[in-house]
Amino acid sequence: MAQTTRTFIAIPLTDSLGDRLTKLQGRLAPQLPSVRWSETLPFHLTLAFLGDVPYVDLNKICGAVAKASRTVRRFELTITGLGAFPNLARPRVLWAKVEGEGLALLADLHKAVGAALEEVGCIPEDERFSPHITLGRIKPGRSAAQPNSLGAVVARHQTWSLGGFSVGEVVTFSSTVTPEGPAYAPLARAPLASARTRTDDLTE
């Protein structure tokens, strides 16, 4: 049987932003006891989750991501506000919103990465895309215990903002399950085009 590794494509946040999100989790934890907080770093914005990928396919996947990334110029995003999937009435995931003028370029990047992956025969497990940073997951069987308190926390953070950040690269990660939780390891880094680079010259 071929060896595999769980693989995903994402935009990692800086250590500084990660530290501030960790502090936010610490402030929210007493108010939301049924949330299992994400502790594995780096915090990231997932573009595609590929599931278990054979080792022999990793090079072509990393190459496809690099090709797609070079077609989109660097852009800015802002982390502001909180939300829950699928909704506040039946919450499963608590997340921080991603907004800003760069959302259109983010959508272009997601589309380009998906298309490049399909070209090499690797289709993401879920092609839907809702930009967010996962903060924690509601423990099974506990979602009904706190809809009102979760809604109140989200409402209080409507105008909260962590500030902006620059998106300059996409990273292909492996994810290994350990007794302490998942461990992420970067497999390849793919820089975006600079503002002065003609992206139409980079698609060859």
Protein backbone atom coordinates (compact mmCIF):
# COMPACT_ATOMS: atom_id res chain seq x y z
CA MET A 1 0.00 0.00 0.00
CA ALA A 2 1.35 3.43 -0.96
CA GLN A 3 2.35 5.71 1.89
CA THR A 4 0.17 8.80 2.22
CA THR A 5 0.01 12.04 4.16
CA ARG A 6 -2.95 14.28 4.91
CA THR A 7 -2.41 17.39 2.84
CA PHE A 8 -3.91 20.85 2.58
CA ILE A 9 -3.14 24.12 0.80
CA ALA A 10 -3.31 27.31 2.87
CA ILE A 11 -2.26 30.89 3.50
CA PRO A 12 -0.41 30.93 6.86
CA LEU A 13 -0.73 33.86 9.24
CA THR A 14 2.31 35.52 10.76
CA ASP A 15 3.46 34.57 14.26
CA SER A 16 2.41 38.02 15.47
CA LEU A 17 -1.17 37.56 14.28
CA GLY A 18 -1.16 34.02 15.64
CA ASP A 19 -0.14 35.25 19.08
CA ARG A 20 -2.99 37.75 19.09
CA LEU A 21 -5.51 35.10 18.06
CA THR A 22 -4.24 32.85 20.84
CA LYS A 23 -4.82 35.67 23.32
CA LEU A 24 -8.35 36.10 21.95
CA GLN A 25 -9.00 32.40 22.48
CA GLY A 26 -7.82 32.76 26.07
CA ARG A 27 -10.22 35.64 26.69
CA LEU A 28 -13.16 33.78 25.14
CA ALA A 29 -12.51 30.38 26.75
CA PRO A 30 -14.25 31.13 30.11
CA GLN A 31 -17.35 32.32 28.23
CA LEU A 32 -17.46 29.34 25.83
CA PRO A 33 -16.62 26.20 27.81
CA SER A 34 -17.88 23.81 25.12
CA VAL A 35 -15.42 25.04 22.47
CA ARG A 36 -12.36 22.88 21.76
CA TRP A 37 -9.85 25.55 20.80
CA SER A 38 -7.47 25.16 17.87
CA GLU A 39 -3.92 25.11 19.25
CA THR A 40 -1.87 23.86 16.31
CA LEU A 41 0.14 26.59 14.65
CA PRO A 42 0.27 28.31 12.31
CA PHE A 43 -3.24 29.70 12.13
CA HIS A 44 -4.12 29.66 8.47
CA LEU A 45 -6.71 30.32 5.80
CA THR A 46 -7.36 27.03 3.99
CA LEU A 47 -7.63 27.15 0.19
CA ALA A 48 -7.99 23.41 -0.44
CA PHE A 49 -8.06 20.24 1.66
CA LEU A 50 -6.85 17.19 -0.24
CA GLY A 51 -7.13 14.43 2.34
CA ASP A 52 -4.67 11.53 2.22
CA VAL A 53 -2.26 12.05 -0.67
CA PRO A 54 0.28 9.42 -1.83
CA TYR A 55 3.86 10.55 -1.33
CA VAL A 56 4.55 10.00 -5.03
CA ASP A 57 1.99 12.69 -5.91
CA LEU A 58 3.33 15.43 -3.64
CA ASN A 59 5.84 16.88 -6.11
CA LYS A 60 3.27 17.41 -8.83
CA ILE A 61 0.83 18.92 -6.32
CA CYS A 62 3.43 21.36 -5.01
CA GLY A 63 4.34 22.24 -8.60
CA ALA A 64 0.69 22.88 -9.47
CA VAL A 65 0.26 25.17 -6.46
CA ALA A 66 3.42 27.08 -7.38
CA LYS A 67 2.17 27.58 -10.95
CA ALA A 68 -1.22 28.84 -9.74
CA SER A 69 0.28 31.17 -7.14
CA ARG A 70 2.43 32.96 -9.71
CA THR A 71 -0.70 34.07 -11.59
CA VAL A 72 -2.04 36.22 -8.72
CA ARG A 73 -0.35 39.32 -7.34
CA ARG A 74 0.14 39.97 -3.64
CA PHE A 75 -2.83 41.43 -1.79
CA GLU A 76 -4.06 42.63 1.60
CA LEU A 77 -6.72 41.14 3.88
CA THR A 78 -8.18 42.07 7.27
CA ILE A 79 -9.26 39.81 10.12
CA THR A 80 -12.40 41.31 11.64
CA GLY A 81 -15.45 39.91 13.42
CA LEU A 82 -16.45 36.38 14.43
CA GLY A 83 -18.90 33.83 13.06
CA ALA A 84 -19.94 30.18 13.29
CA PHE A 85 -20.51 27.31 10.87
CA PRO A 86 -23.03 26.25 9.79
CA ASN A 87 -24.88 28.94 11.78
CA LEU A 88 -25.35 30.24 15.33
CA ALA A 89 -28.39 28.02 15.89
CA ARG A 90 -26.38 24.85 15.20
CA PRO A 91 -22.75 25.88 15.68
CA ARG A 92 -19.96 23.43 14.91
CA VAL A 93 -17.03 25.76 14.20
CA LEU A 94 -16.15 29.20 15.62
CA TRP A 95 -14.10 31.33 13.24
CA ALA A 96 -12.69 34.78 12.59
CA LYS A 97 -13.85 36.57 9.46
CA VAL A 98 -11.55 37.55 6.61
CA GLU A 99 -12.47 40.71 4.72
CA GLY A 100 -10.86 43.53 2.77
CA GLU A 101 -10.15 44.81 -0.71
CA GLY A 102 -8.12 41.69 -1.46
CA LEU A 103 -11.14 39.35 -1.33
CA ALA A 104 -11.49 39.39 -5.13
CA LEU A 105 -7.84 38.38 -5.55
CA LEU A 106 -8.27 35.75 -2.84
CA ALA A 107 -11.17 34.28 -4.85
CA ASP A 108 -8.97 34.34 -7.97
CA LEU A 109 -6.21 32.53 -6.06
CA HIS A 110 -8.61 29.88 -4.78
CA LYS A 111 -9.93 29.31 -8.29
CA ALA A 112 -6.43 29.14 -9.78
CA VAL A 113 -5.21 26.66 -7.18
CA GLY A 114 -8.28 24.46 -7.67
CA ALA A 115 -7.88 24.47 -11.45
CA ALA A 116 -4.16 23.66 -11.23
CA LEU A 117 -4.83 20.77 -8.86
CA GLU A 118 -7.47 19.35 -11.17
CA GLU A 119 -4.99 19.49 -14.05
CA VAL A 120 -2.73 17.06 -12.16
CA GLY A 121 -5.64 14.83 -11.19
CA CYS A 122 -6.06 15.96 -7.58
CA ILE A 123 -9.52 17.33 -6.78
CA PRO A 124 -10.06 19.03 -3.38
CA GLU A 125 -12.48 17.24 -1.07
CA ASP A 126 -14.78 20.29 -0.84
CA GLU A 127 -14.67 22.95 -3.54
CA ARG A 128 -16.88 25.38 -1.63
CA PHE A 129 -14.96 28.39 -0.34
CA SER A 130 -15.83 30.65 2.59
CA PRO A 131 -12.71 32.54 3.73
CA HIS A 132 -12.15 32.22 7.49
CA ILE A 133 -9.65 31.42 10.24
CA THR A 134 -10.78 28.54 12.46
CA LEU A 135 -10.57 29.36 16.18
CA GLY A 136 -12.22 26.28 17.65
CA ARG A 137 -14.80 23.54 17.28
CA ILE A 138 -17.89 22.89 19.37
CA LYS A 139 -17.50 19.63 21.26
CA PRO A 140 -19.85 16.86 19.99
CA GLY A 141 -23.16 16.84 21.80
CA ARG A 142 -22.53 20.25 23.34
CA SER A 143 -23.67 22.54 20.53
CA ALA A 144 -27.10 23.04 22.07
CA ALA A 145 -25.64 24.03 25.43
CA GLN A 146 -24.52 27.51 24.50
CA PRO A 147 -26.21 29.00 21.42
CA ASN A 148 -27.20 32.12 23.32
CA SER A 149 -23.78 32.75 24.86
CA LEU A 150 -22.05 32.09 21.54
CA GLY A 151 -24.43 34.46 19.80
CA ALA A 152 -23.70 37.10 22.42
CA VAL A 153 -19.95 36.70 21.96
CA VAL A 154 -20.26 36.99 18.18
CA ALA A 155 -22.48 40.07 18.55
CA ARG A 156 -19.98 41.75 20.89
CA HIS A 157 -17.22 41.20 18.34
CA GLN A 158 -19.00 42.64 15.31
CA THR A 159 -16.63 45.62 15.24
CA TRP A 160 -13.60 43.79 16.63
CA SER A 161 -10.60 43.76 14.30
CA LEU A 162 -7.21 42.12 14.48
CA GLY A 163 -5.93 44.34 11.69
CA GLY A 164 -4.64 43.73 8.21
CA PHE A 165 -1.99 41.44 6.79
CA SER A 166 -0.25 40.94 3.47
CA VAL A 167 -0.68 37.70 1.53
CA GLY A 168 2.56 36.89 -0.24
CA GLU A 169 2.70 33.11 -0.41
CA VAL A 170 0.72 29.89 -0.42
CA VAL A 171 1.98 26.86 1.50
CA THR A 172 1.34 23.17 0.94
CA PHE A 173 1.13 21.51 4.38
CA SER A 174 1.10 17.95 5.63
CA SER A 175 -0.99 17.22 8.71
CA THR A 176 -0.08 14.39 11.09
CA VAL A 177 -2.43 13.24 13.83
CA THR A 178 -0.70 12.90 17.22
CA PRO A 179 -2.01 12.23 20.76
CA GLU A 180 -1.59 15.96 21.42
CA GLY A 181 -3.50 16.94 18.29
CA PRO A 182 -2.57 17.57 14.64
CA ALA A 183 0.94 18.66 13.72
CA TYR A 184 1.49 20.73 10.57
CA ALA A 185 4.64 20.67 8.47
CA PRO A 186 5.25 22.83 5.38
CA LEU A 187 6.03 20.76 2.28
CA ALA A 188 6.54 23.66 -0.16
CA ARG A 189 6.14 27.42 -0.27
CA ALA A 190 4.79 29.15 -3.38
CA PRO A 191 5.24 32.94 -3.66
CA LEU A 192 2.61 35.10 -5.28
CA ALA A 193 3.53 37.49 -8.09
CA SER A 194 4.90 40.84 -6.97
CA ALA A 195 3.02 44.02 -7.81
CA ARG A 196 5.52 44.75 -10.61
CA THR A 197 5.38 41.26 -12.16
CA ARG A 198 3.25 40.66 -15.24
CA THR A 199 1.23 37.59 -14.35
CA ASP A 200 0.54 36.81 -18.01
CA ASP A 201 4.27 36.16 -18.42
CA LEU A 202 4.27 33.61 -15.60
CA THR A 203 1.73 31.10 -16.83
CA GLU A 204 3.99 29.36 -19.30
